[in-house]
Amino acid sequence: MRTDLAVIGAGPAGLAASLAAAARGVRVALVDAAPEPGGQFHRQPAAGLRARRPEALHHQWRTWIRLRDGLAASSVRLLAEHHVWCVERTSDGLTVHALLGPDEEEPAEVHATAVLLATGGYETVLPFPGWTLPGVVTAGGAQAMLKGGLVVPGPTAVVAGTGPLLLPVATGLAAAGVQVAALVESAGPGRLPRHVRSLAGKFPEGAGYAARLLRHRVPFLARHTVVRAHGDDRLTGVTVAALDAHGRVRPGTERHLPCDTLAVGHGMLPHTDLAEGLGCRLDGLTVAVDGEQRTDVPGVWAAGEATGVGGAALALAEGHIAGRSIAARLRGTAPDPGQWAPAARARARMRRSAAALDAVYAPPARWTDRVTDDTVVCRCEEVTAGAVREALTLGAGDARTVKLLTRAGMGWCQGRMCGPAVAGLAGCGPTPSRRPFARPVPLGVLAEQHTEEGHS
């Protein structure tokens, strides 16, 4: 199909951009891998589950209702279950390549004059002994099970790691009847006073979560970490310990917490695969954009977590700005930033908050010290921390060389899960992956595309 604007990702940023552009006469195709719009933040239970109070599972429910109803009343064409694997520049614009349905085998193409990348982010999980046991899930995974499937991962849970996502996960599980044995946060409260001004708008939300934790009698262990997960065939408990100011375990503080579920996460990273494939400039690990949310590739905009992880409200502001900018540019006129001044002020304020949260919730500095040599780091290729450390002794000085020597990151996930861990063990920061495709593609699809290009 052909359209003026293809928006990739139906989360808050993609929805806001689609509605803003469509309201100004732009033909919009909203492309998303899920069966329904909303993204991870506004994930909804399937209609067949007949949820009686879906609003109980969600933050900012009224915002979702406004977006949902606005989408239904708009001219936006929703292309659900389209798994985008590549966007390429062509002589007449841009082509979005996708795979259809749950099997991801049938190809589809969307031809557009402009593209907005609202591809979101994914969780960072740092390894520790026992993290591959059944019963250990990501914090976001536990939340997705609850929001999308109305199921809980187990009757007794520990929520651990670092970052603001842990609060809604712990409170959501507790409200669903799970006994949350503890919320284990590696960051300490001492970091907060340095960022009071930037985080002032977040305190009411945090206070609400704190009140719910108290109501459900969830113990909160600040400046603690999971040292080891225990079990044979599945998780039976975890050992947690206190951390000192340098991120080291304080001797004698270990305690055992019985549980059958561990929901763990250490923040988020932006999805930049499609942007990298297009040649968009990155600013560190995020897609670089200007004040209109434009990338440096003509016809390509980006908004939401791909340009910096900052939450749904920031994504909405960025998406709205991008949609208005795209509408003006497609008409051949220069946008007037004054028309989106309130959104720009909100964007600036929330970007400051996001930077402060990154500083407060940085993973503990010495986490690699607790990763034993027999701990599997790359699950796809079964590469252990010991193998990574051996590669370092052979002269590897970066994650790419470790990958070449150990195969860490060469499996199905292409380093999405293990990349931060391998980089941490190698003593370097995470770097962009520069993958040619955003997801696995059947060879038959590639061969068919090559044949069509040869005949054209």
Protein backbone atom coordinates (compact mmCIF):
# COMPACT_ATOMS: atom_id res chain seq x y z
CA MET A 1 0.00 0.00 0.00
CA ARG A 2 0.98 3.65 -0.41
CA THR A 3 0.50 6.40 2.13
CA ASP A 4 1.86 9.81 3.08
CA LEU A 5 3.19 8.79 6.50
CA ALA A 6 4.05 5.38 7.93
CA VAL A 7 4.26 5.39 11.73
CA ILE A 8 6.09 2.37 13.11
CA GLY A 9 4.94 1.59 16.63
CA ALA A 10 1.46 2.07 18.14
CA GLY A 11 2.56 3.05 21.63
CA PRO A 12 2.06 6.53 23.11
CA ALA A 13 4.50 8.26 20.73
CA GLY A 14 3.14 6.58 17.61
CA LEU A 15 -0.49 7.18 18.57
CA ALA A 16 0.10 10.85 19.37
CA ALA A 17 1.97 11.42 16.11
CA SER A 18 -0.64 9.58 14.03
CA LEU A 19 -3.51 11.60 15.48
CA ALA A 20 -1.69 14.93 15.13
CA ALA A 21 -0.75 14.26 11.50
CA ALA A 22 -4.14 12.82 10.49
CA ALA A 23 -5.97 15.79 12.01
CA ARG A 24 -4.05 17.97 9.54
CA GLY A 25 -4.97 16.01 6.43
CA VAL A 26 -2.08 13.53 6.25
CA ARG A 27 -2.81 9.96 5.14
CA VAL A 28 -1.36 7.82 7.94
CA ALA A 29 -0.64 4.10 8.19
CA LEU A 30 0.07 3.02 11.77
CA VAL A 31 2.15 -0.17 11.72
CA ASP A 32 2.54 -2.34 14.82
CA ALA A 33 3.47 -5.93 15.66
CA ALA A 34 0.73 -6.38 18.28
CA PRO A 35 -2.88 -7.34 17.51
CA GLU A 36 -4.14 -4.12 19.14
CA PRO A 37 -2.71 -0.61 19.55
CA GLY A 38 -1.35 0.71 22.83
CA GLY A 39 2.22 -0.52 22.94
CA GLN A 40 3.73 -1.97 26.09
CA PHE A 41 2.55 0.89 28.29
CA HIS A 42 -1.11 0.62 27.27
CA ARG A 43 -1.14 -3.14 26.69
CA GLN A 44 -4.72 -4.45 26.91
CA PRO A 45 -6.13 -7.88 27.78
CA ALA A 46 -7.70 -9.75 24.87
CA ALA A 47 -11.43 -9.17 24.47
CA GLY A 48 -12.06 -12.88 24.99
CA LEU A 49 -10.76 -12.63 28.56
CA ARG A 50 -13.66 -10.30 29.43
CA ALA A 51 -11.72 -8.21 31.92
CA ARG A 52 -14.23 -6.53 34.23
CA ARG A 53 -11.95 -3.71 35.40
CA PRO A 54 -9.03 -3.34 32.95
CA GLU A 55 -8.44 0.19 34.27
CA ALA A 56 -7.22 -1.35 37.53
CA LEU A 57 -4.13 -2.64 35.71
CA HIS A 58 -3.16 0.65 34.12
CA HIS A 59 -1.59 3.96 34.92
CA GLN A 60 -2.99 6.98 33.00
CA TRP A 61 -6.16 5.14 31.97
CA ARG A 62 -7.93 8.34 30.90
CA THR A 63 -5.08 9.14 28.53
CA TRP A 64 -5.46 5.70 26.95
CA ILE A 65 -9.21 6.16 26.50
CA ARG A 66 -8.59 9.50 24.78
CA LEU A 67 -6.01 7.95 22.44
CA ARG A 68 -8.14 4.86 21.73
CA ASP A 69 -11.27 6.86 20.94
CA GLY A 70 -9.30 9.38 18.90
CA LEU A 71 -7.80 6.60 16.81
CA ALA A 72 -11.21 5.02 16.21
CA ALA A 73 -12.66 8.34 15.04
CA SER A 74 -9.68 9.25 12.84
CA SER A 75 -8.71 8.39 9.28
CA VAL A 76 -5.58 6.55 10.47
CA ARG A 77 -5.25 3.08 8.95
CA LEU A 78 -4.07 0.60 11.59
CA LEU A 79 -1.92 -2.25 10.27
CA ALA A 80 -1.78 -4.67 13.20
CA GLU A 81 0.42 -7.77 13.41
CA HIS A 82 2.93 -6.23 11.01
CA HIS A 83 6.42 -7.09 12.24
CA VAL A 84 8.76 -4.55 10.64
CA TRP A 85 12.20 -5.86 9.85
CA CYS A 86 13.62 -3.11 7.64
CA VAL A 87 12.96 0.37 6.28
CA GLU A 88 14.78 1.38 3.12
CA ARG A 89 15.07 4.56 1.10
CA THR A 90 13.85 4.29 -2.47
CA SER A 91 13.71 6.63 -5.45
CA ASP A 92 10.17 7.73 -4.56
CA GLY A 93 10.34 7.80 -0.75
CA LEU A 94 10.65 5.09 1.86
CA THR A 95 9.54 1.45 1.95
CA VAL A 96 8.62 -0.33 5.17
CA HIS A 97 9.17 -4.09 4.99
CA ALA A 98 7.17 -6.25 7.39
CA LEU A 99 6.18 -9.85 8.09
CA LEU A 100 2.51 -10.58 8.74
CA GLY A 101 0.77 -12.46 11.52
CA PRO A 102 2.01 -14.56 14.43
CA ASP A 103 4.03 -16.85 12.14
CA GLU A 104 5.89 -13.88 10.58
CA GLU A 105 6.26 -15.55 7.19
CA GLU A 106 4.13 -13.60 4.69
CA PRO A 107 5.77 -10.34 3.53
CA ALA A 108 4.10 -6.94 3.29
CA GLU A 109 5.27 -3.51 2.18
CA VAL A 110 4.15 0.01 2.97
CA HIS A 111 5.38 2.78 0.65
CA ALA A 112 5.44 6.21 2.26
CA THR A 113 6.74 9.71 1.71
CA ALA A 114 7.72 10.03 5.38
CA VAL A 115 8.34 7.61 8.24
CA LEU A 116 8.14 8.08 12.00
CA LEU A 117 10.12 5.63 14.09
CA ALA A 118 8.29 5.11 17.39
CA THR A 119 9.88 1.76 18.11
CA GLY A 120 10.08 2.03 21.91
CA GLY A 121 12.63 0.33 24.12
CA TYR A 122 13.49 -2.96 25.76
CA GLU A 123 14.60 -4.05 29.19
CA THR A 124 18.14 -4.39 30.45
CA VAL A 125 18.72 -7.50 32.54
CA LEU A 126 22.13 -8.03 34.11
CA PRO A 127 23.08 -11.65 34.84
CA PHE A 128 23.69 -13.22 38.24
CA PRO A 129 24.04 -16.83 39.38
CA GLY A 130 20.74 -18.63 38.81
CA TRP A 131 19.14 -16.03 36.55
CA THR A 132 18.33 -18.64 33.87
CA LEU A 133 16.11 -20.71 36.20
CA PRO A 134 12.43 -21.09 35.25
CA GLY A 135 10.55 -18.63 37.42
CA VAL A 136 12.98 -15.76 36.78
CA VAL A 137 11.32 -13.25 34.44
CA THR A 138 11.93 -9.66 33.49
CA ALA A 139 10.02 -7.02 35.40
CA GLY A 140 8.35 -5.88 32.19
CA GLY A 141 7.54 -9.48 31.32
CA ALA A 142 5.70 -9.94 34.59
CA GLN A 143 3.78 -6.72 33.94
CA ALA A 144 2.92 -7.80 30.39
CA MET A 145 1.56 -11.14 31.64
CA LEU A 146 -0.67 -9.29 34.08
CA LYS A 147 -1.86 -6.57 31.69
CA GLY A 148 -2.22 -8.67 28.55
CA GLY A 149 -3.11 -12.11 29.91
CA LEU A 150 -4.63 -11.37 33.34
CA VAL A 151 -2.25 -13.95 34.79
CA VAL A 152 0.48 -13.77 37.39
CA PRO A 153 3.82 -15.61 37.09
CA GLY A 154 3.47 -17.24 40.52
CA PRO A 155 1.90 -16.92 43.97
CA THR A 156 5.04 -15.56 45.72
CA ALA A 157 7.37 -13.06 44.07
CA VAL A 158 10.41 -10.91 44.65
CA VAL A 159 10.73 -7.80 42.46
CA ALA A 160 14.35 -6.71 42.11
CA GLY A 161 16.88 -4.67 40.17
CA THR A 162 16.77 -0.92 39.74
CA GLY A 163 14.60 1.69 38.10
CA PRO A 164 11.14 3.24 38.32
CA LEU A 165 9.50 0.30 36.51
CA LEU A 166 9.88 -1.84 39.64
CA LEU A 167 7.27 0.22 41.52
CA PRO A 168 4.28 -0.41 39.22
CA VAL A 169 5.32 -4.04 38.79
CA ALA A 170 5.45 -4.68 42.54
CA THR A 171 2.19 -2.82 43.25
CA GLY A 172 0.44 -4.45 40.30
CA LEU A 173 1.41 -7.97 41.37
CA ALA A 174 0.41 -7.28 44.96
CA ALA A 175 -2.98 -5.91 43.90
CA ALA A 176 -3.52 -9.06 41.82
CA GLY A 177 -3.10 -11.24 44.91
CA VAL A 178 0.58 -12.15 44.63
CA GLN A 179 2.50 -12.21 47.89
CA VAL A 180 5.40 -9.87 47.12
CA ALA A 181 8.12 -10.95 49.55
CA ALA A 182 10.19 -7.82 48.89
CA LEU A 183 10.92 -5.01 46.48
CA VAL A 184 14.72 -5.06 46.20
CA GLU A 185 16.14 -1.81 44.80
CA SER A 186 19.91 -1.49 44.33
CA ALA A 187 19.81 2.34 44.31
CA GLY A 188 19.86 4.16 47.63
CA PRO A 189 17.68 7.09 48.74
CA GLY A 190 20.80 9.24 49.20
CA ARG A 191 20.89 9.98 45.46
CA LEU A 192 17.47 11.63 45.39
CA PRO A 193 18.26 14.97 47.12
CA ARG A 194 20.73 15.87 44.36
CA HIS A 195 17.89 15.84 41.82
CA VAL A 196 14.97 17.24 43.79
CA ARG A 197 14.16 20.05 41.33
CA SER A 198 14.21 17.81 38.26
CA LEU A 199 12.13 15.10 39.93
CA ALA A 200 9.61 17.34 41.69
CA GLY A 201 6.85 16.33 39.29
CA LYS A 202 7.51 12.63 39.93
CA PHE A 203 7.12 12.75 43.72
CA PRO A 204 3.29 12.53 43.82
CA GLU A 205 3.37 9.46 41.59
CA GLY A 206 6.12 7.90 43.71
CA ALA A 207 4.19 8.66 46.89
CA GLY A 208 1.16 6.88 45.45
CA TYR A 209 3.19 3.76 44.78
CA ALA A 210 4.75 3.94 48.25
CA ALA A 211 1.28 4.09 49.82
CA ARG A 212 0.20 1.01 47.88
CA LEU A 213 3.33 -0.88 48.92
CA LEU A 214 2.54 -0.07 52.54
CA ARG A 215 -1.08 -1.10 52.12
CA HIS A 216 -0.03 -4.49 50.75
CA ARG A 217 2.76 -4.78 53.34
CA VAL A 218 5.51 -5.17 50.76
CA PRO A 219 8.97 -4.80 52.36
CA PHE A 220 11.18 -2.31 50.55
CA LEU A 221 14.91 -3.06 50.62
CA ALA A 222 16.86 -0.05 49.35
CA ARG A 223 20.51 -0.42 48.36
CA HIS A 224 20.12 -4.21 48.18
CA THR A 225 20.64 -6.64 45.34
CA VAL A 226 19.94 -10.25 44.43
CA VAL A 227 23.15 -12.22 44.90
CA ARG A 228 21.87 -15.60 43.72
CA ALA A 229 18.69 -17.33 42.61
CA HIS A 230 18.20 -20.85 44.01
CA GLY A 231 16.53 -23.98 42.68
CA ASP A 232 17.06 -27.11 40.60
CA ASP A 233 14.27 -27.45 38.06
CA ARG A 234 12.77 -24.06 38.91
CA LEU A 235 13.16 -21.11 41.24
CA THR A 236 12.64 -21.77 44.95
CA GLY A 237 14.13 -18.59 46.45
CA VAL A 238 16.74 -15.87 46.23
CA THR A 239 19.57 -14.58 48.38
CA VAL A 240 19.66 -10.80 48.72
CA ALA A 241 22.31 -8.64 50.38
CA ALA A 242 22.97 -4.99 51.20
CA LEU A 243 25.38 -2.91 49.12
CA ASP A 244 27.94 -0.42 50.34
CA ALA A 245 28.49 3.00 48.79
CA HIS A 246 30.78 1.48 46.14
CA GLY A 247 28.32 -1.19 45.00
CA ARG A 248 30.01 -4.07 46.85
CA VAL A 249 28.09 -6.59 48.94
CA ARG A 250 28.35 -5.85 52.64
CA PRO A 251 29.53 -9.06 54.38
CA GLY A 252 27.06 -10.57 56.80
CA THR A 253 23.96 -8.94 55.28
CA GLU A 254 22.83 -11.89 53.16
CA ARG A 255 19.32 -13.19 53.70
CA HIS A 256 17.23 -15.86 51.97
CA LEU A 257 13.77 -15.04 50.60
CA PRO A 258 11.62 -18.01 49.54
CA CYS A 259 9.72 -17.31 46.30
CA ASP A 260 8.68 -19.00 43.08
CA THR A 261 8.95 -15.87 40.92
CA LEU A 262 11.69 -13.28 40.56
CA ALA A 263 10.77 -10.26 38.41
CA VAL A 264 14.03 -8.45 37.70
CA GLY A 265 15.07 -5.49 35.59
CA HIS A 266 17.80 -2.86 35.38
CA GLY A 267 16.30 -0.09 33.28
CA MET A 268 15.58 0.27 29.59
CA LEU A 269 17.47 0.67 26.34
CA PRO A 270 16.09 2.25 23.14
CA HIS A 271 15.22 0.20 20.05
CA THR A 272 17.35 1.74 17.30
CA ASP A 273 17.69 -1.12 14.79
CA LEU A 274 15.49 0.46 12.11
CA ALA A 275 17.12 3.85 12.56
CA GLU A 276 20.58 2.34 12.26
CA GLY A 277 19.54 0.47 9.12
CA LEU A 278 18.48 3.78 7.57
CA GLY A 279 21.77 5.40 8.53
CA CYS A 280 20.32 7.78 11.10
CA ARG A 281 22.87 9.43 13.36
CA LEU A 282 22.88 8.17 16.94
CA ASP A 283 23.62 10.21 20.03
CA GLY A 284 25.21 7.53 22.19
CA LEU A 285 22.58 4.79 22.28
CA THR A 286 19.63 6.96 21.18
CA VAL A 287 18.43 8.26 17.82
CA ALA A 288 19.56 11.87 17.41
CA VAL A 289 16.74 14.29 16.55
CA ASP A 290 16.27 18.05 16.27
CA GLY A 291 13.59 20.20 17.85
CA GLU A 292 11.00 18.85 15.38
CA GLN A 293 11.96 15.22 16.17
CA ARG A 294 13.59 14.93 12.73
CA THR A 295 16.55 12.61 12.23
CA ASP A 296 19.36 13.56 9.87
CA VAL A 297 17.91 11.25 7.19
CA PRO A 298 15.44 13.15 4.96
CA GLY A 299 11.85 12.04 5.48
CA VAL A 300 12.54 10.19 8.74
CA TRP A 301 11.36 11.35 12.18
CA ALA A 302 11.72 9.56 15.53
CA ALA A 303 9.91 9.92 18.85
CA GLY A 304 9.47 8.12 22.15
CA GLU A 305 11.90 5.75 23.83
CA ALA A 306 14.00 5.41 20.66
CA THR A 307 15.20 8.98 21.20
CA GLY A 308 15.74 8.51 24.94
CA VAL A 309 13.91 6.48 27.55
CA GLY A 310 11.68 8.83 29.53
CA GLY A 311 8.22 7.34 29.95
CA ALA A 312 4.82 7.61 28.32
CA ALA A 313 4.19 11.30 28.98
CA LEU A 314 7.44 12.29 27.29
CA ALA A 315 6.65 9.97 24.38
CA LEU A 316 3.25 11.63 23.94
CA ALA A 317 4.81 15.10 23.79
CA GLU A 318 7.47 14.02 21.31
CA GLY A 319 4.93 12.19 19.15
CA HIS A 320 2.62 15.21 19.03
CA ILE A 321 5.48 17.48 17.98
CA ALA A 322 6.62 15.00 15.32
CA GLY A 323 3.10 14.62 13.89
CA ARG A 324 2.62 18.37 13.53
CA SER A 325 6.08 18.80 12.02
CA ILE A 326 5.48 16.01 9.50
CA ALA A 327 2.13 17.49 8.46
CA ALA A 328 3.71 20.86 7.77
CA ARG A 329 6.72 19.45 5.95
CA LEU A 330 4.56 17.26 3.71
CA ARG A 331 2.56 20.35 2.75
CA GLY A 332 5.83 22.01 1.78
CA THR A 333 5.65 24.67 4.51
CA ALA A 334 7.99 25.48 7.37
CA PRO A 335 6.46 24.42 10.71
CA ASP A 336 5.72 27.05 13.34
CA PRO A 337 7.20 25.79 16.65
CA GLY A 338 4.87 28.16 18.48
CA GLN A 339 1.99 25.88 17.55
CA TRP A 340 3.41 23.11 19.74
CA ALA A 341 4.98 25.28 22.44
CA PRO A 342 3.15 23.58 25.36
CA ALA A 343 4.32 20.16 24.16
CA ALA A 344 7.87 21.47 23.74
CA ARG A 345 7.89 22.82 27.31
CA ALA A 346 6.60 19.48 28.59
CA ARG A 347 9.25 17.68 26.54
CA ALA A 348 12.06 19.78 28.03
CA ARG A 349 10.78 19.29 31.57
CA MET A 350 10.37 15.54 31.20
CA ARG A 351 13.74 15.10 29.53
CA ARG A 352 15.31 16.70 32.61
CA SER A 353 13.36 14.28 34.80
CA ALA A 354 14.48 11.34 32.67
CA ALA A 355 18.14 12.37 32.97
CA ALA A 356 17.74 12.64 36.75
CA LEU A 357 16.13 9.21 36.94
CA ASP A 358 19.02 7.75 34.94
CA ALA A 359 21.44 9.19 37.48
CA VAL A 360 19.44 7.99 40.50
CA TYR A 361 18.81 4.48 39.18
CA ALA A 362 22.17 3.59 37.68
CA PRO A 363 23.00 -0.12 38.14
CA PRO A 364 25.47 -0.83 40.97
CA ALA A 365 29.02 -0.13 39.90
CA ARG A 366 30.45 -3.51 40.96
CA TRP A 367 27.73 -5.84 39.68
CA THR A 368 30.21 -7.82 37.57
CA ASP A 369 32.06 -8.91 40.73
CA ARG A 370 29.07 -11.09 41.66
CA VAL A 371 28.87 -12.87 38.31
CA THR A 372 30.60 -16.24 38.78
CA ASP A 373 32.53 -17.84 35.95
CA ASP A 374 29.90 -20.57 35.49
CA THR A 375 27.06 -18.05 35.10
CA VAL A 376 25.59 -18.16 31.60
CA VAL A 377 25.75 -14.68 30.07
CA CYS A 378 24.59 -15.34 26.50
CA ARG A 379 21.63 -17.70 26.76
CA CYS A 380 21.24 -18.23 23.01
CA GLU A 381 24.80 -19.53 22.56
CA GLU A 382 25.30 -20.72 26.18
CA VAL A 383 28.39 -18.57 26.67
CA THR A 384 29.48 -18.24 30.30
CA ALA A 385 31.06 -15.31 32.10
CA GLY A 386 34.21 -17.42 32.39
CA ALA A 387 34.42 -17.68 28.60
CA VAL A 388 34.05 -13.91 28.28
CA ARG A 389 36.78 -13.33 30.84
CA GLU A 390 39.03 -15.81 29.04
CA ALA A 391 38.52 -13.83 25.83
CA LEU A 392 39.70 -10.74 27.68
CA THR A 393 42.92 -12.50 28.66
CA LEU A 394 43.43 -13.35 24.98
CA GLY A 395 43.41 -9.66 24.11
CA ALA A 396 39.75 -8.81 23.53
CA GLY A 397 39.20 -5.20 24.51
CA ASP A 398 35.63 -4.60 23.39
CA ALA A 399 32.30 -6.38 23.08
CA ARG A 400 32.70 -7.00 19.34
CA THR A 401 35.99 -8.87 19.79
CA VAL A 402 34.48 -10.87 22.66
CA LYS A 403 31.64 -11.79 20.29
CA LEU A 404 34.08 -13.00 17.64
CA LEU A 405 36.00 -15.14 20.15
CA THR A 406 33.05 -16.58 22.10
CA ARG A 407 29.91 -16.27 19.89
CA ALA A 408 28.25 -14.20 22.63
CA GLY A 409 25.54 -12.21 20.86
CA MET A 410 25.41 -14.37 17.71
CA GLY A 411 22.22 -16.21 18.64
CA TRP A 412 18.51 -15.68 18.04
CA CYS A 413 18.26 -12.41 20.00
CA GLN A 414 21.37 -11.00 18.29
CA GLY A 415 22.77 -9.64 21.53
CA ARG A 416 19.67 -7.76 22.67
CA MET A 417 19.62 -9.66 25.97
CA CYS A 418 23.30 -10.22 26.59
CA GLY A 419 24.81 -7.10 24.99
CA PRO A 420 24.90 -4.93 28.14
CA ALA A 421 26.23 -7.84 30.22
CA VAL A 422 29.02 -8.69 27.77
CA ALA A 423 29.99 -5.02 27.56
CA GLY A 424 30.03 -4.75 31.36
CA LEU A 425 32.23 -7.81 31.75
CA ALA A 426 34.53 -6.47 29.04
CA GLY A 427 34.84 -3.18 30.93
CA CYS A 428 33.30 -1.01 28.23
CA GLY A 429 29.96 0.71 27.76
CA PRO A 430 27.17 -0.65 25.56
CA THR A 431 27.49 0.29 21.90
CA PRO A 432 24.98 0.30 19.02
CA SER A 433 24.63 -3.13 17.46
CA ARG A 434 24.37 -2.06 13.80
CA ARG A 435 22.27 -5.05 12.77
CA PRO A 436 21.16 -5.15 9.12
CA PHE A 437 17.63 -6.30 10.08
CA ALA A 438 15.49 -5.49 13.09
CA ARG A 439 14.24 -9.08 13.43
CA PRO A 440 14.86 -12.52 11.89
CA VAL A 441 13.63 -12.82 8.29
CA PRO A 442 12.91 -16.09 6.41
CA LEU A 443 15.36 -16.66 3.60
CA GLY A 444 12.44 -17.19 1.23
CA VAL A 445 11.25 -13.63 1.84
CA LEU A 446 14.70 -12.25 1.09
CA ALA A 447 15.05 -14.41 -2.00
CA GLU A 448 11.63 -13.34 -3.30
CA GLN A 449 12.48 -9.69 -2.78
CA HIS A 450 15.78 -10.13 -4.62
CA THR A 451 13.97 -11.81 -7.51
CA GLU A 452 11.44 -8.97 -7.75
CA GLU A 453 14.22 -6.37 -7.76
CA GLY A 454 16.00 -8.31 -10.51
CA HIS A 455 12.89 -8.25 -12.70
CA SER A 456 12.18 -4.56 -12.13
